Amino acid sequence: MRWKLLLILVVGAVWTSPATANCPAALDFDFRPLAGAGKVNLCQRYLGKVVLVVNTASKCVYTPQYDGLEALYDKYKDRGFVVLGFPSNDFGAQEPGTEKQIQNFCRLTYGVKFPMLEKIQVARNSAHPFYRELAKLAGEYPGWNFHKYLLSRRGELVGSYASRVRPGDSRLIQAIEHQLAN
């Protein structure tokens, strides 16, 4: 009986993903794809990539940033870059729709192909644990829609950008290119 338990423990250890075993706190989360089923483990899927995390909204003055985010994703995705969009209704109730409505809006209006994940809360008092971790690392929570957090290939926070910093801003581009070069 003991040898069976030992065998189960050894096999279980072999099947543990190296990405999960060494997962940095900022990526140690599972999310559903927007309007989808199943879970995406951020470590397994995105560790080793430069990640730009953005809280999004469909009815915001910053909503046209979807164009710039998609342009960034398209330009750098083959070099190991990804944008992760997280719809949130926390600021000005500017993301009231269902996940399916949000998905359709993003695809049809802005041609969004970068990964969009489940609708969550990001504001200080009610933030999802993922956003609490990002805020802890950055020293700031999003103040509005389209706040951006930049993570290195190792899942370390390397930048936090307020909503007014557009995807084409030279500071953000330089930071992304610097991380892609490492």
N, C-alpha and C. Protein backbone atom coordinates (compact mmCIF):
# COMPACT_ATOMS: atom_id res chain seq x y z
N MET A 1 0.82 -1.19 0.00
CA MET A 1 0.00 0.00 0.00
C MET A 1 0.87 1.26 0.00
N ARG A 2 1.95 1.23 0.78
CA ARG A 2 2.84 2.41 0.83
C ARG A 2 3.49 2.67 -0.52
N TRP A 3 3.86 1.61 -1.23
CA TRP A 3 4.51 1.81 -2.52
C TRP A 3 3.55 2.44 -3.52
N LYS A 4 2.25 2.16 -3.40
CA LYS A 4 1.26 2.79 -4.28
C LYS A 4 1.17 4.29 -4.00
N LEU A 5 1.17 4.63 -2.71
CA LEU A 5 1.12 6.04 -2.32
C LEU A 5 2.37 6.76 -2.82
N LEU A 6 3.53 6.11 -2.65
CA LEU A 6 4.78 6.69 -3.11
C LEU A 6 4.75 6.88 -4.63
N LEU A 7 4.24 5.89 -5.34
CA LEU A 7 4.14 5.99 -6.79
C LEU A 7 3.23 7.15 -7.20
N ILE A 8 2.12 7.32 -6.52
CA ILE A 8 1.21 8.42 -6.81
C ILE A 8 1.89 9.76 -6.56
N LEU A 9 2.63 9.88 -5.48
CA LEU A 9 3.33 11.12 -5.17
C LEU A 9 4.40 11.43 -6.21
N VAL A 10 5.15 10.40 -6.63
CA VAL A 10 6.21 10.61 -7.62
C VAL A 10 5.61 11.00 -8.96
N VAL A 11 4.57 10.29 -9.40
CA VAL A 11 3.93 10.61 -10.67
C VAL A 11 3.33 12.02 -10.61
N GLY A 12 2.72 12.37 -9.51
CA GLY A 12 2.15 13.71 -9.35
C GLY A 12 3.22 14.78 -9.45
N ALA A 13 4.38 14.52 -8.87
CA ALA A 13 5.48 15.49 -8.93
C ALA A 13 5.99 15.65 -10.35
N VAL A 14 6.04 14.55 -11.10
CA VAL A 14 6.51 14.60 -12.48
C VAL A 14 5.53 15.41 -13.34
N TRP A 15 4.23 15.30 -13.07
CA TRP A 15 3.23 15.98 -13.86
C TRP A 15 3.04 17.45 -13.48
N THR A 16 3.68 17.91 -12.42
CA THR A 16 3.58 19.32 -12.05
C THR A 16 4.33 20.16 -13.07
N SER A 17 3.66 21.12 -13.64
CA SER A 17 4.26 21.98 -14.65
C SER A 17 5.36 22.83 -14.05
N PRO A 18 6.52 22.94 -14.71
CA PRO A 18 7.57 23.82 -14.21
C PRO A 18 7.10 25.26 -14.11
N ALA A 19 6.25 25.69 -15.04
CA ALA A 19 5.75 27.07 -15.00
C ALA A 19 4.92 27.30 -13.75
N THR A 20 4.10 26.32 -13.39
CA THR A 20 3.26 26.46 -12.20
C THR A 20 4.11 26.39 -10.94
N ALA A 21 5.09 25.49 -10.91
CA ALA A 21 5.93 25.32 -9.74
C ALA A 21 6.73 26.59 -9.43
N ASN A 22 7.14 27.30 -10.46
CA ASN A 22 7.95 28.51 -10.28
C ASN A 22 7.19 29.75 -10.68
N CYS A 23 5.92 29.74 -10.48
CA CYS A 23 5.07 30.83 -10.93
C CYS A 23 5.25 32.09 -10.07
N PRO A 24 5.55 33.23 -10.71
CA PRO A 24 5.60 34.49 -9.95
C PRO A 24 4.19 34.89 -9.52
N ALA A 25 4.11 35.60 -8.41
CA ALA A 25 2.81 35.97 -7.82
C ALA A 25 1.90 36.70 -8.81
N ALA A 26 2.46 37.51 -9.68
CA ALA A 26 1.64 38.31 -10.60
C ALA A 26 0.94 37.46 -11.66
N LEU A 27 1.40 36.23 -11.88
CA LEU A 27 0.78 35.38 -12.90
C LEU A 27 0.13 34.13 -12.31
N ASP A 28 0.07 34.03 -11.02
CA ASP A 28 -0.43 32.82 -10.36
C ASP A 28 -1.96 32.85 -10.24
N PHE A 29 -2.63 32.95 -11.40
CA PHE A 29 -4.09 33.06 -11.42
C PHE A 29 -4.66 32.32 -12.62
N ASP A 30 -5.91 31.90 -12.47
CA ASP A 30 -6.66 31.26 -13.55
C ASP A 30 -7.85 32.14 -13.89
N PHE A 31 -8.13 32.28 -15.19
CA PHE A 31 -9.28 33.07 -15.65
C PHE A 31 -9.96 32.35 -16.81
N ARG A 32 -11.24 32.61 -16.96
CA ARG A 32 -11.99 32.17 -18.12
C ARG A 32 -11.72 33.14 -19.27
N PRO A 33 -11.68 32.62 -20.50
CA PRO A 33 -11.69 33.54 -21.64
C PRO A 33 -13.02 34.30 -21.63
N LEU A 34 -13.04 35.50 -22.12
CA LEU A 34 -14.25 36.31 -22.16
C LEU A 34 -15.36 35.54 -22.88
N ALA A 35 -16.51 35.41 -22.23
CA ALA A 35 -17.69 34.71 -22.76
C ALA A 35 -17.39 33.25 -23.08
N GLY A 36 -16.37 32.71 -22.45
CA GLY A 36 -15.98 31.32 -22.73
C GLY A 36 -16.08 30.44 -21.51
N ALA A 37 -15.70 29.20 -21.70
CA ALA A 37 -15.70 28.22 -20.62
C ALA A 37 -14.27 27.77 -20.37
N GLY A 38 -14.09 27.02 -19.31
CA GLY A 38 -12.76 26.55 -18.97
C GLY A 38 -11.95 27.66 -18.35
N LYS A 39 -10.74 27.33 -17.98
CA LYS A 39 -9.85 28.30 -17.34
C LYS A 39 -8.54 28.37 -18.08
N VAL A 40 -7.96 29.55 -18.08
CA VAL A 40 -6.63 29.79 -18.62
C VAL A 40 -5.72 30.08 -17.43
N ASN A 41 -4.66 29.29 -17.28
CA ASN A 41 -3.69 29.56 -16.23
C ASN A 41 -2.67 30.55 -16.79
N LEU A 42 -2.57 31.72 -16.16
CA LEU A 42 -1.69 32.77 -16.70
C LEU A 42 -0.24 32.32 -16.75
N CYS A 43 0.22 31.58 -15.74
CA CYS A 43 1.62 31.10 -15.75
C CYS A 43 1.87 30.17 -16.93
N GLN A 44 1.02 29.18 -17.05
CA GLN A 44 1.23 28.20 -18.12
C GLN A 44 1.14 28.84 -19.49
N ARG A 45 0.26 29.79 -19.66
CA ARG A 45 0.04 30.37 -20.98
C ARG A 45 0.98 31.54 -21.28
N TYR A 46 1.34 32.35 -20.26
CA TYR A 46 2.02 33.62 -20.56
C TYR A 46 3.39 33.82 -19.92
N LEU A 47 3.81 32.95 -19.01
CA LEU A 47 5.17 33.08 -18.48
C LEU A 47 6.14 32.91 -19.64
N GLY A 48 7.08 33.81 -19.76
CA GLY A 48 8.01 33.81 -20.89
C GLY A 48 7.64 34.84 -21.95
N LYS A 49 6.48 35.46 -21.78
CA LYS A 49 6.05 36.54 -22.68
C LYS A 49 6.07 37.87 -21.93
N VAL A 50 6.19 38.94 -22.66
CA VAL A 50 6.01 40.28 -22.11
C VAL A 50 4.51 40.53 -22.16
N VAL A 51 3.93 40.88 -21.00
CA VAL A 51 2.48 40.95 -20.87
C VAL A 51 2.05 42.38 -20.51
N LEU A 52 1.10 42.91 -21.25
CA LEU A 52 0.49 44.18 -20.92
C LEU A 52 -0.94 43.89 -20.47
N VAL A 53 -1.23 44.15 -19.19
CA VAL A 53 -2.54 43.90 -18.60
C VAL A 53 -3.31 45.22 -18.59
N VAL A 54 -4.54 45.19 -19.13
CA VAL A 54 -5.33 46.42 -19.26
C VAL A 54 -6.76 46.16 -18.80
N ASN A 55 -7.27 47.03 -17.91
CA ASN A 55 -8.69 46.96 -17.57
C ASN A 55 -9.45 47.82 -18.58
N THR A 56 -10.44 47.22 -19.22
CA THR A 56 -11.10 47.85 -20.36
C THR A 56 -12.57 48.18 -20.08
N ALA A 57 -13.13 49.03 -20.91
CA ALA A 57 -14.54 49.39 -20.83
C ALA A 57 -14.99 49.86 -22.21
N SER A 58 -16.22 49.55 -22.56
CA SER A 58 -16.75 49.82 -23.90
C SER A 58 -17.36 51.21 -24.08
N LYS A 59 -17.65 51.91 -23.00
CA LYS A 59 -18.35 53.20 -23.11
C LYS A 59 -17.56 54.32 -22.43
N CYS A 60 -16.28 54.34 -22.67
CA CYS A 60 -15.36 55.26 -21.99
C CYS A 60 -14.70 56.17 -23.01
N VAL A 61 -14.30 57.34 -22.57
CA VAL A 61 -13.57 58.25 -23.45
C VAL A 61 -12.27 57.59 -23.94
N TYR A 62 -11.74 56.61 -23.18
CA TYR A 62 -10.50 55.92 -23.56
C TYR A 62 -10.75 54.66 -24.40
N THR A 63 -12.00 54.32 -24.67
CA THR A 63 -12.31 53.11 -25.42
C THR A 63 -11.58 53.03 -26.77
N PRO A 64 -11.36 54.14 -27.48
CA PRO A 64 -10.62 54.04 -28.74
C PRO A 64 -9.19 53.49 -28.57
N GLN A 65 -8.71 53.38 -27.33
CA GLN A 65 -7.40 52.77 -27.11
C GLN A 65 -7.38 51.30 -27.55
N TYR A 66 -8.55 50.69 -27.73
CA TYR A 66 -8.58 49.32 -28.25
C TYR A 66 -7.80 49.24 -29.57
N ASP A 67 -7.94 50.26 -30.42
CA ASP A 67 -7.20 50.28 -31.69
C ASP A 67 -5.70 50.20 -31.46
N GLY A 68 -5.20 51.03 -30.56
CA GLY A 68 -3.77 51.05 -30.26
C GLY A 68 -3.29 49.78 -29.59
N LEU A 69 -4.11 49.23 -28.70
CA LEU A 69 -3.74 47.97 -28.04
C LEU A 69 -3.65 46.84 -29.06
N GLU A 70 -4.60 46.79 -29.97
CA GLU A 70 -4.57 45.76 -31.02
C GLU A 70 -3.36 45.96 -31.93
N ALA A 71 -3.02 47.21 -32.24
CA ALA A 71 -1.85 47.49 -33.07
C ALA A 71 -0.56 47.04 -32.37
N LEU A 72 -0.46 47.29 -31.06
CA LEU A 72 0.71 46.81 -30.30
C LEU A 72 0.79 45.29 -30.35
N TYR A 73 -0.33 44.65 -30.08
CA TYR A 73 -0.37 43.19 -30.08
C TYR A 73 0.05 42.64 -31.44
N ASP A 74 -0.51 43.19 -32.49
CA ASP A 74 -0.20 42.72 -33.84
C ASP A 74 1.28 42.94 -34.18
N LYS A 75 1.81 44.07 -33.78
CA LYS A 75 3.21 44.40 -34.10
C LYS A 75 4.21 43.52 -33.37
N TYR A 76 3.93 43.19 -32.09
CA TYR A 76 4.93 42.52 -31.26
C TYR A 76 4.61 41.07 -30.89
N LYS A 77 3.45 40.55 -31.25
CA LYS A 77 3.06 39.21 -30.79
C LYS A 77 4.05 38.14 -31.23
N ASP A 78 4.62 38.27 -32.41
CA ASP A 78 5.57 37.26 -32.89
C ASP A 78 6.90 37.32 -32.16
N ARG A 79 7.12 38.37 -31.39
CA ARG A 79 8.35 38.50 -30.59
C ARG A 79 8.11 38.12 -29.13
N GLY A 80 6.91 37.64 -28.80
CA GLY A 80 6.64 37.19 -27.43
C GLY A 80 5.91 38.21 -26.59
N PHE A 81 5.06 39.01 -27.19
CA PHE A 81 4.29 40.03 -26.47
C PHE A 81 2.81 39.69 -26.55
N VAL A 82 2.10 39.98 -25.46
CA VAL A 82 0.66 39.77 -25.45
C VAL A 82 -0.01 40.88 -24.64
N VAL A 83 -1.18 41.28 -25.09
CA VAL A 83 -2.06 42.19 -24.34
C VAL A 83 -3.14 41.31 -23.74
N LEU A 84 -3.43 41.50 -22.45
CA LEU A 84 -4.54 40.80 -21.80
C LEU A 84 -5.56 41.84 -21.36
N GLY A 85 -6.75 41.78 -21.93
CA GLY A 85 -7.81 42.71 -21.58
C GLY A 85 -8.75 42.12 -20.54
N PHE A 86 -9.05 42.92 -19.53
CA PHE A 86 -9.98 42.53 -18.47
C PHE A 86 -11.09 43.57 -18.37
N PRO A 87 -12.24 43.30 -18.97
CA PRO A 87 -13.36 44.24 -18.86
C PRO A 87 -13.75 44.43 -17.39
N SER A 88 -14.10 45.67 -17.07
CA SER A 88 -14.52 46.00 -15.71
C SER A 88 -15.55 47.12 -15.75
N ASN A 89 -16.52 47.02 -14.90
CA ASN A 89 -17.58 48.04 -14.82
C ASN A 89 -17.37 48.95 -13.61
N ASP A 90 -16.17 49.00 -13.08
CA ASP A 90 -15.90 49.71 -11.82
C ASP A 90 -15.92 51.23 -11.92
N PHE A 91 -15.61 51.77 -13.08
CA PHE A 91 -15.46 53.22 -13.18
C PHE A 91 -16.54 53.80 -14.08
N GLY A 92 -17.44 54.55 -13.49
CA GLY A 92 -18.50 55.22 -14.25
C GLY A 92 -19.50 54.27 -14.88
N ALA A 93 -19.55 53.02 -14.41
CA ALA A 93 -20.46 52.01 -14.97
C ALA A 93 -20.36 52.00 -16.50
N GLN A 94 -19.12 52.02 -17.01
CA GLN A 94 -18.88 52.14 -18.44
C GLN A 94 -18.65 50.80 -19.15
N GLU A 95 -18.90 49.71 -18.41
CA GLU A 95 -18.85 48.37 -19.02
C GLU A 95 -20.02 47.54 -18.48
N PRO A 96 -21.28 47.99 -18.79
CA PRO A 96 -22.45 47.34 -18.21
C PRO A 96 -22.88 46.05 -18.89
N GLY A 97 -22.37 45.77 -20.07
CA GLY A 97 -22.85 44.64 -20.86
C GLY A 97 -22.44 43.28 -20.32
N THR A 98 -23.04 42.26 -20.92
CA THR A 98 -22.65 40.89 -20.62
C THR A 98 -21.31 40.61 -21.30
N GLU A 99 -20.69 39.52 -20.92
CA GLU A 99 -19.41 39.17 -21.55
C GLU A 99 -19.58 38.95 -23.05
N LYS A 100 -20.66 38.35 -23.46
CA LYS A 100 -20.90 38.12 -24.89
C LYS A 100 -21.06 39.46 -25.62
N GLN A 101 -21.79 40.41 -25.02
CA GLN A 101 -21.95 41.73 -25.63
C GLN A 101 -20.60 42.44 -25.74
N ILE A 102 -19.79 42.34 -24.69
CA ILE A 102 -18.46 42.96 -24.70
C ILE A 102 -17.59 42.34 -25.79
N GLN A 103 -17.61 41.02 -25.87
CA GLN A 103 -16.82 40.31 -26.87
C GLN A 103 -17.22 40.74 -28.29
N ASN A 104 -18.52 40.80 -28.54
CA ASN A 104 -19.00 41.21 -29.87
C ASN A 104 -18.59 42.65 -30.16
N PHE A 105 -18.74 43.54 -29.19
CA PHE A 105 -18.36 44.94 -29.37
C PHE A 105 -16.87 45.04 -29.73
N CYS A 106 -16.02 44.38 -28.97
CA CYS A 106 -14.57 44.47 -29.20
C CYS A 106 -14.18 43.93 -30.57
N ARG A 107 -14.75 42.82 -30.95
CA ARG A 107 -14.41 42.21 -32.24
C ARG A 107 -14.96 43.02 -33.41
N LEU A 108 -16.23 43.41 -33.31
CA LEU A 108 -16.88 44.06 -34.44
C LEU A 108 -16.49 45.53 -34.59
N THR A 109 -16.29 46.23 -33.48
CA THR A 109 -15.99 47.66 -33.53
C THR A 109 -14.50 47.93 -33.69
N TYR A 110 -13.67 47.14 -33.01
CA TYR A 110 -12.23 47.42 -33.01
C TYR A 110 -11.37 46.28 -33.56
N GLY A 111 -11.97 45.18 -33.96
CA GLY A 111 -11.20 44.08 -34.51
C GLY A 111 -10.24 43.46 -33.51
N VAL A 112 -10.61 43.45 -32.23
CA VAL A 112 -9.73 42.95 -31.17
C VAL A 112 -9.50 41.45 -31.34
N LYS A 113 -8.22 41.09 -31.40
CA LYS A 113 -7.81 39.69 -31.46
C LYS A 113 -6.96 39.31 -30.26
N PHE A 114 -6.47 40.30 -29.53
CA PHE A 114 -5.68 39.96 -28.34
C PHE A 114 -6.60 39.31 -27.31
N PRO A 115 -6.05 38.49 -26.41
CA PRO A 115 -6.88 37.77 -25.45
C PRO A 115 -7.66 38.71 -24.52
N MET A 116 -8.95 38.48 -24.47
CA MET A 116 -9.82 39.16 -23.52
C MET A 116 -10.27 38.10 -22.53
N LEU A 117 -10.16 38.42 -21.26
CA LEU A 117 -10.52 37.47 -20.22
C LEU A 117 -11.75 37.95 -19.47
N GLU A 118 -12.20 37.18 -18.54
CA GLU A 118 -13.47 37.43 -17.88
C GLU A 118 -13.57 38.82 -17.27
N LYS A 119 -14.80 39.29 -17.18
CA LYS A 119 -15.12 40.59 -16.58
C LYS A 119 -14.89 40.48 -15.07
N ILE A 120 -14.05 41.39 -14.54
CA ILE A 120 -13.71 41.35 -13.12
C ILE A 120 -13.76 42.76 -12.53
N GLN A 121 -13.58 42.82 -11.22
CA GLN A 121 -13.47 44.12 -10.55
C GLN A 121 -12.00 44.44 -10.34
N VAL A 122 -11.66 45.73 -10.52
CA VAL A 122 -10.27 46.16 -10.44
C VAL A 122 -10.04 47.32 -9.47
N ALA A 123 -11.12 47.98 -9.05
CA ALA A 123 -11.00 49.15 -8.18
C ALA A 123 -10.56 48.75 -6.78
N ARG A 124 -9.89 49.65 -6.12
CA ARG A 124 -9.26 49.41 -4.82
C ARG A 124 -10.12 48.63 -3.84
N ASN A 125 -11.32 49.04 -3.58
CA ASN A 125 -12.11 48.44 -2.51
C ASN A 125 -12.72 47.08 -2.84
N SER A 126 -12.75 46.73 -4.11
CA SER A 126 -13.41 45.48 -4.49
C SER A 126 -12.59 44.65 -5.48
N ALA A 127 -11.32 44.95 -5.62
CA ALA A 127 -10.49 44.35 -6.66
C ALA A 127 -10.37 42.83 -6.52
N HIS A 128 -10.38 42.20 -7.67
CA HIS A 128 -10.06 40.77 -7.77
C HIS A 128 -8.64 40.58 -7.21
N PRO A 129 -8.33 39.42 -6.62
CA PRO A 129 -6.98 39.20 -6.09
C PRO A 129 -5.86 39.44 -7.11
N PHE A 130 -6.11 39.18 -8.38
CA PHE A 130 -5.11 39.45 -9.42
C PHE A 130 -4.76 40.94 -9.45
N TYR A 131 -5.77 41.78 -9.43
CA TYR A 131 -5.53 43.22 -9.45
C TYR A 131 -5.00 43.73 -8.11
N ARG A 132 -5.35 43.08 -7.03
CA ARG A 132 -4.75 43.44 -5.74
C ARG A 132 -3.25 43.17 -5.77
N GLU A 133 -2.85 42.05 -6.37
CA GLU A 133 -1.43 41.71 -6.48
C GLU A 133 -0.70 42.72 -7.38
N LEU A 134 -1.29 43.04 -8.54
CA LEU A 134 -0.66 44.03 -9.42
C LEU A 134 -0.53 45.38 -8.73
N ALA A 135 -1.58 45.79 -8.01
CA ALA A 135 -1.56 47.08 -7.31
C ALA A 135 -0.51 47.09 -6.20
N LYS A 136 -0.38 45.97 -5.52
CA LYS A 136 0.63 45.87 -4.46
C LYS A 136 2.02 46.04 -5.06
N LEU A 137 2.27 45.36 -6.17
CA LEU A 137 3.58 45.45 -6.82
C LEU A 137 3.85 46.84 -7.39
N ALA A 138 2.81 47.47 -7.94
CA ALA A 138 2.97 48.79 -8.57
C ALA A 138 2.88 49.95 -7.60
N GLY A 139 2.24 49.70 -6.45
CA GLY A 139 2.01 50.80 -5.51
C GLY A 139 0.82 51.65 -5.91
N GLU A 140 0.00 51.14 -6.86
CA GLU A 140 -1.19 51.88 -7.28
C GLU A 140 -2.21 50.97 -7.93
N TYR A 141 -3.47 51.28 -7.65
CA TYR A 141 -4.59 50.63 -8.31
C TYR A 141 -4.95 51.45 -9.54
N PRO A 142 -5.67 50.85 -10.48
CA PRO A 142 -6.18 51.66 -11.59
C PRO A 142 -7.06 52.79 -11.05
N GLY A 143 -6.90 53.97 -11.61
CA GLY A 143 -7.73 55.10 -11.24
C GLY A 143 -8.92 55.26 -12.16
N TRP A 144 -8.87 54.55 -13.30
CA TRP A 144 -9.95 54.61 -14.28
C TRP A 144 -9.76 53.46 -15.26
N ASN A 145 -10.59 53.41 -16.26
CA ASN A 145 -10.50 52.39 -17.30
C ASN A 145 -9.22 52.59 -18.13
N PHE A 146 -8.71 51.50 -18.64
CA PHE A 146 -7.54 51.47 -19.52
C PHE A 146 -6.22 51.81 -18.81
N HIS A 147 -6.15 51.47 -17.52
CA HIS A 147 -4.87 51.50 -16.81
C HIS A 147 -4.07 50.29 -17.32
N LYS A 148 -2.76 50.44 -17.42
CA LYS A 148 -1.93 49.39 -17.99
C LYS A 148 -0.80 49.00 -17.01
N TYR A 149 -0.63 47.69 -16.85
CA TYR A 149 0.50 47.14 -16.09
C TYR A 149 1.34 46.33 -17.06
N LEU A 150 2.65 46.55 -17.05
CA LEU A 150 3.56 45.82 -17.93
C LEU A 150 4.37 44.83 -17.10
N LEU A 151 4.35 43.56 -17.55
CA LEU A 151 5.09 42.49 -16.87
C LEU A 151 6.20 41.99 -17.78
N SER A 152 7.34 41.69 -17.18
CA SER A 152 8.47 41.13 -17.92
C SER A 152 8.20 39.67 -18.27
N ARG A 153 9.10 39.10 -19.03
CA ARG A 153 9.01 37.67 -19.39
C ARG A 153 9.03 36.78 -18.15
N ARG A 154 9.59 37.27 -17.07
CA ARG A 154 9.65 36.51 -15.81
C ARG A 154 8.43 36.77 -14.92
N GLY A 155 7.48 37.53 -15.43
CA GLY A 155 6.28 37.81 -14.66
C GLY A 155 6.46 38.87 -13.60
N GLU A 156 7.51 39.67 -13.74
CA GLU A 156 7.77 40.75 -12.78
C GLU A 156 7.16 42.05 -13.30
N LEU A 157 6.54 42.80 -12.42
CA LEU A 157 5.99 44.09 -12.82
C LEU A 157 7.14 45.04 -13.14
N VAL A 158 7.09 45.65 -14.33
CA VAL A 158 8.14 46.59 -14.74
C VAL A 158 7.59 47.96 -15.08
N GLY A 159 6.25 48.11 -15.06
CA GLY A 159 5.69 49.42 -15.35
C GLY A 159 4.20 49.47 -15.07
N SER A 160 3.76 50.68 -14.71
CA SER A 160 2.34 50.94 -14.46
C SER A 160 2.03 52.27 -15.15
N TYR A 161 0.98 52.26 -15.98
CA TYR A 161 0.69 53.43 -16.81
C TYR A 161 -0.77 53.84 -16.65
N ALA A 162 -0.99 55.08 -16.32
CA ALA A 162 -2.34 55.61 -16.14
C ALA A 162 -3.11 55.56 -17.45
N SER A 163 -4.40 55.69 -17.35
CA SER A 163 -5.30 55.62 -18.50
C SER A 163 -4.92 56.59 -19.61
N ARG A 164 -4.46 57.76 -19.25
CA ARG A 164 -4.15 58.79 -20.26
C ARG A 164 -2.92 58.42 -21.10
N VAL A 165 -2.13 57.43 -20.65
CA VAL A 165 -0.98 56.98 -21.44
C VAL A 165 -1.52 56.05 -22.52
N ARG A 166 -1.48 56.52 -23.73
CA ARG A 166 -2.04 55.78 -24.86
C ARG A 166 -1.10 54.65 -25.29
N PRO A 167 -1.63 53.63 -25.93
CA PRO A 167 -0.79 52.52 -26.36
C PRO A 167 0.38 52.92 -27.26
N GLY A 168 0.23 54.00 -28.01
CA GLY A 168 1.32 54.45 -28.87
C GLY A 168 2.30 55.40 -28.21
N ASP A 169 2.14 55.67 -26.92
CA ASP A 169 3.03 56.58 -26.19
C ASP A 169 4.46 56.04 -26.24
N SER A 170 5.40 56.90 -26.51
CA SER A 170 6.81 56.47 -26.67
C SER A 170 7.35 55.82 -25.40
N ARG A 171 6.91 56.26 -24.23
CA ARG A 171 7.40 55.65 -22.98
C ARG A 171 6.96 54.18 -22.89
N LEU A 172 5.74 53.91 -23.26
CA LEU A 172 5.23 52.54 -23.21
C LEU A 172 5.90 51.69 -24.28
N ILE A 173 6.03 52.22 -25.48
CA ILE A 173 6.69 51.50 -26.58
C ILE A 173 8.13 51.15 -26.21
N GLN A 174 8.85 52.12 -25.66
CA GLN A 174 10.24 51.87 -25.27
C GLN A 174 10.33 50.80 -24.19
N ALA A 175 9.41 50.84 -23.24
CA ALA A 175 9.42 49.83 -22.17
C ALA A 175 9.13 48.44 -22.73
N ILE A 176 8.18 48.34 -23.64
CA ILE A 176 7.86 47.05 -24.26
C ILE A 176 9.06 46.55 -25.05
N GLU A 177 9.64 47.40 -25.86
CA GLU A 177 10.78 46.99 -26.68
C GLU A 177 11.98 46.59 -25.82
N HIS A 178 12.18 47.30 -24.72
CA HIS A 178 13.27 46.94 -23.79
C HIS A 178 13.03 45.54 -23.23
N GLN A 179 11.79 45.26 -22.81
CA GLN A 179 11.49 43.94 -22.26
C GLN A 179 11.59 42.85 -23.32
N LEU A 180 11.19 43.14 -24.52
CA LEU A 180 11.29 42.14 -25.60
C LEU A 180 12.74 41.82 -25.94
N ALA A 181 13.64 42.78 -25.73
CA ALA A 181 15.05 42.57 -26.01
C ALA A 181 15.73 41.72 -24.94
N ASN A 182 15.09 41.59 -23.78
CA ASN A 182 15.69 40.81 -22.68
C ASN A 182 15.27 39.37 -22.70
